[in-house]
Amino acid sequence: MFYIKIILLFIGFRRLYMSEQSVIKSKVMIDMVSKNPIEDGAVIFEDGLITLSGNYEKIKNKIRSDAKIYDYNDSVLIPGMVDCHTHHNGFGDGRSGDSIGEMEDNILTIKSAKNAKTSLFSGVTTIRENGPKNVTMMKLRDAVNQGLAIAPRMVLCGRPIAIIGGHMGYFGGEVTGPVESLALSRQLIKEGVDYFKITATGGSTATSFPLRPSFSQKELDAVTNEAKNYGLLTATHCLSMEGIDNSLNSGVDMIIHCNFDNEKGESKFNEKLAEKIAKKGAYVNPTLHVGRARLWSLEEGNNPSLGGGEKRTYDETKQVLDKKRLSSAIRSDRKDILEARLDAAKLGLENKLDHCRRMIDMGLKVITGSDSSWGDYSLGNTFHETELLVESGYSNYEGLKSVTINAAMALGLGDTAGSIEKGKSADFAILKNNPLDDIKNLSSVEEVFLMGQHIERGSDESNKTYSQIKPA
């Protein structure tokens, strides 16, 4: 009798201190590890980490009697998606970055919290933020850590590093010279950033020069060398070939946009430069849909601000500076100008798709980074970017890799996210339809899990509000 009491006492203590076990069952599981999708897939997780996954019949003996079971036997289970390029300060309604830079930080932090829910509800469980104002996203991370808000796992740059008057300089990270570049890098490290975002060329910012490099080689080197000293990754915004080349010379880890344009605005794929990208091992985030989103907006008769990849030459940029206001230089109700913009948007998208196809054919590491909510690209629609990568040459499976395991590896999170395997974070998206049949099925999200927690997404109707579709 004494021994029975001891055994019962042991069982009681074991149950008291044992972690809660949860199990997801699915019709199909795409774990990004196995050669083929797993029929009747299941994953077991405890304390936010995956402990076992595979065919349900093969692992069911490891499921405890008190486990919490999530039965999605008519659905597809994939890892939570990873978006390598987001802007949660934004609106995705065509307004310019310049106008966002004029808004109060507190308002942008609140907007970011709202946007973060949209991203998470769409099945994106990890984001890399590519340019908020000041410490707005750092404040959101603090709020999440205190249980005041929910958001995907966030990889933050704090604010972009820009030259005076350069692209995104209005977000609070303007420098000039190697000394100031190094000083801001150290300040950002002090503030707790996860990586450095550098605007190596101009962009849609009114006072910037999109087709010319922003930083000298010494300025770039000051930032990238400090990043290496602290084990941080770097990514550069590049709208010209010279910007790409300078970035590669500094050992940047990711090229964003990767536009093969010269200083005259002529767009022509440069195989030698692409080979250099491959040799350096840099990831490429081509940001295809942001241009298509602008095209869709123009086709609907809207007149959005510059922000979806439209080019400006040196002379055109000077006109913007002369007029002092972005709106006066790039907004117009004249039919001929609107038609010219529409034609330019179509040609720009064609060039981007062609160049992306060539990079994929050459074996470059092209990953999904949406660039939402920049310009007209609304958050919650990361799948559009992956869709265009598939249109550019990826198979559906390769497209799925670009927004899961490959994206996670690009962010240095290959041991944490991007696949369903033991020891990784229990981040999942439950889909109604199989993305291996059609990559657009990434939009058919039914349920989301982040670090083992089931996320309450609200009604299906409320989740439709962020869907972005091609105009009829």
Protein backbone atom coordinates (compact mmCIF):
# COMPACT_ATOMS: atom_id res chain seq x y z
CA MET A 1 0.00 0.00 0.00
CA PHE A 2 2.88 2.35 0.83
CA TYR A 3 4.44 1.79 -2.61
CA ILE A 4 1.13 2.48 -4.36
CA LYS A 5 0.88 5.81 -2.54
CA ILE A 6 4.43 6.71 -3.63
CA ILE A 7 3.62 5.86 -7.26
CA LEU A 8 0.41 7.90 -7.17
CA LEU A 9 2.28 10.79 -5.59
CA PHE A 10 4.94 10.60 -8.34
CA ILE A 11 2.27 10.58 -11.05
CA GLY A 12 0.60 13.59 -9.45
CA PHE A 13 3.85 15.56 -9.34
CA ARG A 14 4.67 14.55 -12.93
CA ARG A 15 1.31 15.83 -14.16
CA LEU A 16 1.69 19.01 -12.14
CA TYR A 17 5.02 19.92 -13.72
CA MET A 18 4.54 18.37 -17.15
CA SER A 19 4.06 20.80 -20.04
CA GLU A 20 0.73 20.88 -21.82
CA GLN A 21 0.94 18.86 -25.00
CA SER A 22 -0.89 20.01 -28.12
CA VAL A 23 -1.45 18.22 -31.41
CA ILE A 24 -2.55 19.42 -34.83
CA LYS A 25 -4.00 16.85 -37.24
CA SER A 26 -4.36 17.66 -40.93
CA LYS A 27 -5.38 16.13 -44.22
CA VAL A 28 -1.99 17.05 -45.68
CA MET A 29 1.13 18.41 -43.99
CA ILE A 30 3.84 20.17 -46.00
CA ASP A 31 6.71 20.34 -43.54
CA MET A 32 9.37 21.73 -45.98
CA VAL A 33 11.68 18.91 -44.87
CA SER A 34 10.20 15.72 -46.31
CA LYS A 35 10.54 14.97 -50.01
CA ASN A 36 6.78 14.75 -50.43
CA PRO A 37 3.72 16.12 -48.59
CA ILE A 38 2.62 13.91 -45.70
CA GLU A 39 -0.90 12.53 -45.90
CA ASP A 40 -2.79 12.53 -42.59
CA GLY A 41 -0.05 14.67 -41.13
CA ALA A 42 0.28 15.61 -37.49
CA VAL A 43 2.56 17.71 -35.33
CA ILE A 44 3.06 17.54 -31.57
CA PHE A 45 4.26 20.59 -29.66
CA GLU A 46 4.89 21.67 -26.07
CA ASP A 47 5.97 25.00 -24.57
CA GLY A 48 5.81 26.60 -28.01
CA LEU A 49 8.27 24.15 -29.57
CA ILE A 50 7.74 21.22 -31.92
CA THR A 51 8.59 17.85 -30.36
CA LEU A 52 7.53 15.48 -33.15
CA SER A 53 5.84 15.48 -36.55
CA GLY A 54 4.92 12.99 -39.25
CA ASN A 55 2.10 10.73 -40.35
CA TYR A 56 -0.51 10.57 -37.61
CA GLU A 57 -0.61 6.77 -37.43
CA LYS A 58 3.17 6.65 -37.02
CA ILE A 59 3.38 9.15 -34.16
CA LYS A 60 0.05 8.73 -32.36
CA ASN A 61 1.63 6.52 -29.67
CA LYS A 62 3.56 9.63 -28.52
CA ILE A 63 0.37 11.60 -27.93
CA ARG A 64 -0.65 11.78 -24.28
CA SER A 65 -4.21 11.10 -23.21
CA ASP A 66 -4.53 14.65 -21.86
CA ALA A 67 -3.18 16.32 -25.03
CA LYS A 68 -5.15 19.16 -26.61
CA ILE A 69 -6.15 18.09 -30.11
CA TYR A 70 -6.76 20.48 -33.01
CA ASP A 71 -8.45 18.48 -35.73
CA TYR A 72 -8.15 19.98 -39.23
CA ASN A 73 -8.66 16.77 -41.19
CA ASP A 74 -9.97 18.62 -44.25
CA SER A 75 -7.15 21.17 -44.36
CA VAL A 76 -3.50 21.65 -45.26
CA LEU A 77 -0.86 22.33 -42.60
CA ILE A 78 2.21 24.40 -43.52
CA PRO A 79 4.82 26.29 -41.50
CA GLY A 80 3.91 29.87 -40.66
CA MET A 81 4.96 32.14 -43.50
CA VAL A 82 8.02 34.40 -43.29
CA ASP A 83 7.87 37.82 -44.98
CA CYS A 84 11.35 39.32 -45.39
CA HIS A 85 10.16 42.85 -46.22
CA THR A 86 7.33 44.70 -44.49
CA HIS A 87 6.39 48.27 -43.57
CA HIS A 88 3.97 48.20 -40.65
CA ASN A 89 3.92 51.99 -40.25
CA GLY A 90 2.17 52.22 -43.62
CA PHE A 91 -1.31 52.21 -45.08
CA GLY A 92 -1.05 50.50 -48.49
CA ASP A 93 -3.41 53.03 -50.01
CA GLY A 94 -1.02 54.76 -52.38
CA ARG A 95 0.14 57.53 -50.08
CA SER A 96 3.80 58.46 -50.18
CA GLY A 97 6.43 57.56 -47.64
CA ASP A 98 7.14 61.29 -47.31
CA SER A 99 3.63 61.83 -45.94
CA ILE A 100 4.00 58.96 -43.48
CA GLY A 101 7.26 60.48 -42.27
CA GLU A 102 5.34 63.62 -41.30
CA MET A 103 2.96 61.71 -39.01
CA GLU A 104 3.39 61.54 -35.23
CA ASP A 105 5.30 58.57 -33.85
CA ASN A 106 2.51 57.61 -31.44
CA ILE A 107 0.00 57.39 -34.26
CA LEU A 108 2.38 55.25 -36.32
CA THR A 109 2.96 52.89 -33.39
CA ILE A 110 -0.79 52.39 -33.01
CA LYS A 111 -1.15 51.88 -36.77
CA SER A 112 1.69 49.35 -36.65
CA ALA A 113 -0.10 47.38 -33.92
CA LYS A 114 -3.22 47.22 -36.07
CA ASN A 115 -1.19 46.21 -39.12
CA ALA A 116 0.69 43.54 -37.18
CA LYS A 117 -2.58 41.76 -36.44
CA THR A 118 -3.44 41.85 -40.14
CA SER A 119 -0.11 40.24 -41.02
CA LEU A 120 -0.45 37.58 -38.35
CA PHE A 121 -4.04 36.76 -39.26
CA SER A 122 -2.93 36.19 -42.87
CA GLY A 123 -0.62 33.36 -41.81
CA VAL A 124 2.61 35.37 -41.65
CA THR A 125 4.22 34.45 -38.34
CA THR A 126 7.62 36.11 -38.90
CA ILE A 127 8.31 39.51 -40.42
CA ARG A 128 11.39 41.56 -41.14
CA GLU A 129 10.50 45.24 -40.82
CA ASN A 130 12.26 47.30 -43.49
CA GLY A 131 11.78 50.87 -42.50
CA PRO A 132 9.64 52.32 -39.72
CA LYS A 133 9.99 55.79 -38.28
CA ASN A 134 12.30 56.24 -35.29
CA VAL A 135 11.55 53.64 -32.59
CA THR A 136 7.88 53.05 -33.44
CA MET A 137 8.31 49.32 -34.07
CA MET A 138 10.59 48.95 -31.07
CA LYS A 139 7.74 50.34 -28.97
CA LEU A 140 5.39 47.80 -30.54
CA ARG A 141 7.81 45.01 -29.64
CA ASP A 142 7.86 46.29 -26.05
CA ALA A 143 4.05 46.23 -26.02
CA VAL A 144 3.99 42.67 -27.35
CA ASN A 145 6.51 41.55 -24.73
CA GLN A 146 4.29 43.07 -22.03
CA GLY A 147 1.22 41.28 -23.34
CA LEU A 148 -0.46 44.46 -24.56
CA ALA A 149 -0.51 43.57 -28.26
CA ILE A 150 -0.08 40.63 -30.60
CA ALA A 151 2.19 40.50 -33.61
CA PRO A 152 4.26 38.07 -35.66
CA ARG A 153 7.84 37.40 -34.59
CA MET A 154 9.55 40.67 -35.53
CA VAL A 155 13.03 41.21 -36.94
CA LEU A 156 13.65 44.94 -36.61
CA CYS A 157 16.07 47.47 -38.10
CA GLY A 158 14.88 50.28 -35.85
CA ARG A 159 15.00 52.80 -38.68
CA PRO A 160 16.76 52.76 -42.05
CA ILE A 161 20.24 54.22 -42.42
CA ALA A 162 20.03 56.96 -45.07
CA ILE A 163 22.05 59.91 -46.29
CA ILE A 164 20.82 63.46 -45.71
CA GLY A 165 17.93 63.90 -48.12
CA GLY A 166 18.16 60.23 -49.09
CA HIS A 167 15.44 57.63 -49.37
CA MET A 168 13.58 57.19 -46.07
CA GLY A 169 15.70 59.82 -44.37
CA TYR A 170 12.44 61.22 -42.99
CA PHE A 171 12.23 58.20 -40.67
CA GLY A 172 15.06 59.53 -38.51
CA GLY A 173 18.26 57.84 -39.66
CA GLU A 174 20.12 60.45 -41.74
CA VAL A 175 23.92 60.46 -41.71
CA THR A 176 26.80 61.85 -43.74
CA GLY A 177 30.33 60.45 -43.83
CA PRO A 178 31.84 57.25 -42.38
CA VAL A 179 32.01 58.61 -38.82
CA GLU A 180 28.29 59.40 -38.61
CA SER A 181 27.47 56.12 -40.39
CA LEU A 182 29.38 54.22 -37.72
CA ALA A 183 27.87 56.31 -34.92
CA LEU A 184 24.29 55.61 -36.05
CA SER A 185 25.11 51.91 -36.42
CA ARG A 186 26.25 51.82 -32.81
CA GLN A 187 23.23 53.79 -31.66
CA LEU A 188 20.92 51.31 -33.38
CA ILE A 189 22.74 48.42 -31.73
CA LYS A 190 22.27 50.17 -28.39
CA GLU A 191 18.53 50.44 -29.11
CA GLY A 192 18.35 46.69 -29.72
CA VAL A 193 17.99 46.27 -33.48
CA ASP A 194 18.26 42.87 -35.12
CA TYR A 195 19.83 43.96 -38.42
CA PHE A 196 20.71 47.06 -40.47
CA LYS A 197 18.62 48.34 -43.37
CA ILE A 198 20.59 50.73 -45.62
CA THR A 199 19.14 52.76 -48.48
CA ALA A 200 22.07 52.36 -50.87
CA THR A 201 20.30 54.36 -53.60
CA GLY A 202 17.51 56.87 -53.69
CA GLY A 203 13.91 55.78 -53.97
CA SER A 204 10.44 57.28 -53.96
CA THR A 205 11.51 59.88 -51.39
CA ALA A 206 11.06 63.33 -52.93
CA THR A 207 14.60 64.55 -52.28
CA SER A 208 16.42 61.37 -53.25
CA PHE A 209 18.05 60.21 -56.49
CA PRO A 210 16.77 56.69 -57.28
CA LEU A 211 19.24 55.90 -60.05
CA ARG A 212 22.39 57.00 -58.24
CA PRO A 213 24.20 55.49 -55.25
CA SER A 214 23.57 57.30 -51.98
CA PHE A 215 26.56 56.22 -49.91
CA SER A 216 30.25 56.22 -50.70
CA GLN A 217 32.01 52.89 -50.40
CA LYS A 218 33.65 54.00 -47.14
CA GLU A 219 30.28 54.96 -45.66
CA LEU A 220 28.79 51.59 -46.58
CA ASP A 221 31.83 49.76 -45.24
CA ALA A 222 31.52 51.57 -41.91
CA VAL A 223 28.03 50.15 -41.45
CA THR A 224 28.62 46.63 -42.74
CA ASN A 225 31.86 46.20 -40.79
CA GLU A 226 30.10 47.16 -37.57
CA ALA A 227 27.31 44.73 -38.39
CA LYS A 228 29.84 41.94 -38.79
CA ASN A 229 31.48 42.88 -35.48
CA TYR A 230 28.16 42.27 -33.72
CA GLY A 231 26.92 39.34 -35.81
CA LEU A 232 24.13 41.32 -37.46
CA LEU A 233 22.87 40.90 -41.02
CA THR A 234 22.54 43.76 -43.49
CA ALA A 235 20.16 44.56 -46.34
CA THR A 236 20.34 47.37 -48.89
CA HIS A 237 17.65 49.09 -50.93
CA CYS A 238 19.05 49.16 -54.50
CA LEU A 239 17.31 50.76 -57.48
CA SER A 240 20.41 50.86 -59.66
CA MET A 241 23.25 48.61 -60.73
CA GLU A 242 25.84 50.86 -59.14
CA GLY A 243 24.03 50.60 -55.83
CA ILE A 244 23.99 46.80 -56.14
CA ASP A 245 27.69 46.67 -56.96
CA ASN A 246 28.65 48.93 -54.06
CA SER A 247 26.55 46.83 -51.70
CA LEU A 248 28.20 43.61 -52.82
CA ASN A 249 31.63 45.17 -52.38
CA SER A 250 30.67 45.90 -48.77
CA GLY A 251 29.53 42.33 -48.16
CA VAL A 252 25.81 43.04 -47.77
CA ASP A 253 23.68 39.95 -47.05
CA MET A 254 20.54 40.89 -48.99
CA ILE A 255 19.84 43.03 -52.04
CA ILE A 256 16.38 44.58 -51.96
CA HIS A 257 14.57 45.48 -55.22
CA CYS A 258 17.70 44.60 -57.23
CA ASN A 259 16.88 46.85 -60.19
CA PHE A 260 19.26 46.48 -63.12
CA ASP A 261 19.03 50.16 -64.10
CA ASN A 262 21.78 52.56 -65.07
CA GLU A 263 21.88 56.25 -64.09
CA LYS A 264 19.87 57.13 -67.21
CA GLY A 265 17.02 54.89 -66.13
CA GLU A 266 17.70 52.29 -68.81
CA SER A 267 16.77 48.82 -67.59
CA LYS A 268 18.80 45.90 -68.92
CA PHE A 269 19.69 42.67 -67.16
CA ASN A 270 23.40 42.45 -66.34
CA GLU A 271 24.49 38.83 -66.19
CA LYS A 272 27.95 39.69 -64.88
CA LEU A 273 26.47 41.59 -61.95
CA ALA A 274 24.01 38.76 -61.29
CA GLU A 275 26.93 36.33 -61.23
CA LYS A 276 28.60 38.55 -58.65
CA ILE A 277 25.46 38.40 -56.49
CA ALA A 278 25.57 34.60 -56.72
CA LYS A 279 29.29 34.46 -55.94
CA LYS A 280 28.87 36.69 -52.88
CA GLY A 281 25.99 34.52 -51.66
CA ALA A 282 23.63 37.45 -51.14
CA TYR A 283 19.89 36.87 -51.04
CA VAL A 284 17.69 38.77 -53.48
CA ASN A 285 14.34 40.31 -52.53
CA PRO A 286 13.00 41.54 -55.90
CA THR A 287 9.73 43.13 -54.64
CA LEU A 288 7.63 42.36 -57.71
CA HIS A 289 4.06 42.90 -56.55
CA VAL A 290 4.53 46.43 -55.23
CA GLY A 291 4.82 47.49 -58.88
CA ARG A 292 1.84 45.38 -59.89
CA ALA A 293 -0.21 46.84 -57.04
CA ARG A 294 0.58 50.30 -58.41
CA LEU A 295 -0.43 49.11 -61.88
CA TRP A 296 -3.73 47.81 -60.54
CA SER A 297 -4.37 51.13 -58.84
CA LEU A 298 -3.67 53.04 -62.07
CA GLU A 299 -5.94 50.67 -64.00
CA GLU A 300 -8.73 51.48 -61.57
CA GLY A 301 -8.29 55.15 -62.43
CA ASN A 302 -6.52 56.11 -59.22
CA ASN A 303 -3.63 58.55 -59.20
CA PRO A 304 -1.30 57.24 -56.48
CA SER A 305 1.85 58.87 -55.24
CA LEU A 306 5.19 57.65 -56.50
CA GLY A 307 6.08 54.61 -54.48
CA GLY A 308 5.78 51.46 -56.51
CA GLY A 309 9.04 51.47 -58.37
CA GLU A 310 8.50 54.35 -60.80
CA LYS A 311 11.81 55.88 -61.86
CA ARG A 312 13.07 59.44 -61.81
CA THR A 313 16.18 60.61 -63.58
CA TYR A 314 18.55 63.14 -62.07
CA ASP A 315 16.86 66.03 -63.93
CA GLU A 316 13.39 64.89 -62.88
CA THR A 317 14.49 64.67 -59.27
CA LYS A 318 15.83 68.21 -59.46
CA GLN A 319 12.37 69.31 -60.63
CA VAL A 320 10.93 67.77 -57.47
CA LEU A 321 13.45 69.68 -55.38
CA ASP A 322 12.69 72.90 -57.22
CA LYS A 323 8.98 72.56 -56.59
CA LYS A 324 9.60 71.66 -52.94
CA ARG A 325 6.64 69.28 -52.84
CA LEU A 326 6.43 65.69 -54.02
CA SER A 327 2.76 65.99 -54.88
CA SER A 328 3.22 68.88 -57.31
CA ALA A 329 5.81 66.92 -59.27
CA ILE A 330 4.30 63.46 -59.45
CA ARG A 331 0.54 63.92 -59.20
CA SER A 332 -1.49 65.11 -62.10
CA ASP A 333 -4.99 64.83 -63.53
CA ARG A 334 -3.76 65.19 -67.09
CA LYS A 335 -4.86 62.20 -69.15
CA ASP A 336 -1.64 62.01 -71.16
CA ILE A 337 0.49 61.86 -68.00
CA LEU A 338 -1.74 59.21 -66.43
CA GLU A 339 -1.55 57.10 -69.58
CA ALA A 340 2.22 57.50 -69.64
CA ARG A 341 2.39 56.32 -66.03
CA LEU A 342 0.22 53.34 -66.85
CA ASP A 343 2.50 52.39 -69.76
CA ALA A 344 5.59 52.88 -67.59
CA ALA A 345 4.11 50.69 -64.83
CA LYS A 346 3.38 47.90 -67.33
CA LEU A 347 6.87 48.06 -68.81
CA GLY A 348 8.47 48.23 -65.37
CA LEU A 349 6.62 45.09 -64.24
CA GLU A 350 7.56 43.25 -67.43
CA ASN A 351 11.23 44.09 -66.89
CA LYS A 352 11.14 43.07 -63.23
CA LEU A 353 9.53 39.72 -64.04
CA ASP A 354 12.03 39.07 -66.83
CA HIS A 355 15.01 39.94 -64.63
CA CYS A 356 13.66 37.82 -61.79
CA ARG A 357 13.22 34.88 -64.15
CA ARG A 358 16.84 35.22 -65.25
CA MET A 359 18.08 35.34 -61.66
CA ILE A 360 16.05 32.24 -60.80
CA ASP A 361 17.44 30.46 -63.87
CA MET A 362 20.96 31.33 -62.69
CA GLY A 363 20.27 29.82 -59.27
CA LEU A 364 20.32 33.03 -57.22
CA LYS A 365 18.74 32.89 -53.77
CA VAL A 366 15.49 34.73 -54.47
CA ILE A 367 13.10 34.94 -51.53
CA THR A 368 9.69 36.41 -50.70
CA GLY A 369 9.65 39.89 -49.23
CA SER A 370 6.40 41.66 -49.98
CA ASP A 371 7.27 45.35 -49.40
CA SER A 372 3.75 45.80 -48.05
CA SER A 373 2.34 48.25 -47.03
CA TRP A 374 4.51 50.47 -49.22
CA GLY A 375 2.74 52.37 -51.98
CA ASP A 376 -0.42 50.53 -53.01
CA TYR A 377 0.52 47.13 -51.55
CA SER A 378 -1.79 46.43 -48.61
CA LEU A 379 -0.65 44.19 -45.77
CA GLY A 380 -2.15 40.73 -45.41
CA ASN A 381 -1.37 39.87 -49.03
CA THR A 382 2.15 38.47 -48.91
CA PHE A 383 1.05 35.62 -51.17
CA HIS A 384 0.93 38.02 -54.13
CA GLU A 385 4.72 38.35 -54.04
CA THR A 386 5.20 34.59 -53.89
CA GLU A 387 2.72 34.21 -56.74
CA LEU A 388 4.89 36.42 -58.97
CA LEU A 389 8.01 34.47 -58.03
CA VAL A 390 6.21 31.39 -59.32
CA GLU A 391 5.22 33.29 -62.45
CA SER A 392 8.92 34.12 -62.84
CA GLY A 393 9.99 30.49 -62.86
CA TYR A 394 9.70 28.91 -59.44
CA SER A 395 7.62 25.75 -59.07
CA ASN A 396 4.82 25.95 -56.52
CA TYR A 397 7.03 24.07 -54.06
CA GLU A 398 9.97 26.41 -54.66
CA GLY A 399 7.62 29.35 -54.20
CA LEU A 400 6.48 27.89 -50.89
CA LYS A 401 10.12 27.46 -49.84
CA SER A 402 10.74 31.13 -50.68
CA VAL A 403 8.16 32.22 -48.11
CA THR A 404 9.02 29.62 -45.45
CA ILE A 405 12.36 27.87 -44.92
CA ASN A 406 14.43 29.88 -47.42
CA ALA A 407 13.05 33.16 -46.10
CA ALA A 408 13.81 32.08 -42.54
CA MET A 409 17.38 31.22 -43.52
CA ALA A 410 17.76 34.61 -45.20
CA LEU A 411 16.93 36.23 -41.86
CA GLY A 412 19.27 34.02 -39.86
CA LEU A 413 16.30 32.15 -38.38
CA GLY A 414 16.78 28.79 -40.07
CA ASP A 415 16.97 27.05 -36.68
CA THR A 416 13.82 28.74 -35.41
CA ALA A 417 11.22 29.07 -38.15
CA GLY A 418 10.29 28.11 -41.70
CA SER A 419 9.73 24.36 -41.39
CA ILE A 420 7.90 21.82 -39.27
CA GLU A 421 10.58 19.85 -37.47
CA LYS A 422 11.67 19.03 -33.94
CA GLY A 423 13.03 21.90 -31.90
CA LYS A 424 11.62 24.70 -34.02
CA SER A 425 8.96 27.19 -33.00
CA ALA A 426 5.41 25.91 -33.31
CA ASP A 427 4.41 28.42 -36.00
CA PHE A 428 1.75 27.13 -38.38
CA ALA A 429 -0.80 28.20 -40.96
CA ILE A 430 -3.82 26.03 -41.67
CA LEU A 431 -4.99 26.39 -45.27
CA LYS A 432 -8.27 25.41 -46.87
CA ASN A 433 -6.56 24.58 -50.16
CA ASN A 434 -3.17 23.15 -51.15
CA PRO A 435 -0.54 25.69 -52.32
CA LEU A 436 1.24 22.93 -54.25
CA ASP A 437 -1.80 22.82 -56.54
CA ASP A 438 -1.92 26.60 -56.90
CA ILE A 439 0.38 28.99 -55.04
CA LYS A 440 -2.50 31.46 -54.71
CA ASN A 441 -3.95 29.03 -52.17
CA LEU A 442 -1.58 30.60 -49.66
CA SER A 443 -4.38 33.13 -49.29
CA SER A 444 -6.85 30.48 -48.06
CA VAL A 445 -5.77 30.76 -44.42
CA GLU A 446 -8.21 29.27 -41.91
CA GLU A 447 -6.20 29.21 -38.68
CA VAL A 448 -2.85 30.47 -37.40
CA PHE A 449 -0.55 29.32 -34.59
CA LEU A 450 2.39 31.34 -33.27
CA MET A 451 4.85 29.80 -30.81
CA GLY A 452 2.27 27.16 -30.01
CA GLN A 453 -0.55 29.61 -29.33
CA HIS A 454 -3.74 29.39 -31.36
CA ILE A 455 -4.45 32.89 -32.67
CA GLU A 456 -8.07 34.05 -32.55
CA ARG A 457 -8.57 35.66 -35.97
CA GLY A 458 -12.19 36.77 -35.72
CA SER A 459 -14.87 36.07 -38.29
CA ASP A 460 -14.17 35.10 -41.89
CA GLU A 461 -15.95 38.25 -42.98
CA SER A 462 -13.66 40.50 -40.96
CA ASN A 463 -10.61 38.81 -42.45
CA LYS A 464 -11.80 39.63 -45.96
CA THR A 465 -11.32 43.34 -45.37
CA TYR A 466 -7.59 43.20 -46.06
CA SER A 467 -7.77 41.09 -49.21
CA GLN A 468 -6.31 42.75 -52.28
CA ILE A 469 -7.50 41.47 -55.65
CA LYS A 470 -6.86 42.39 -59.25
CA PRO A 471 -9.44 44.86 -60.59
CA ALA A 472 -12.08 43.36 -62.85
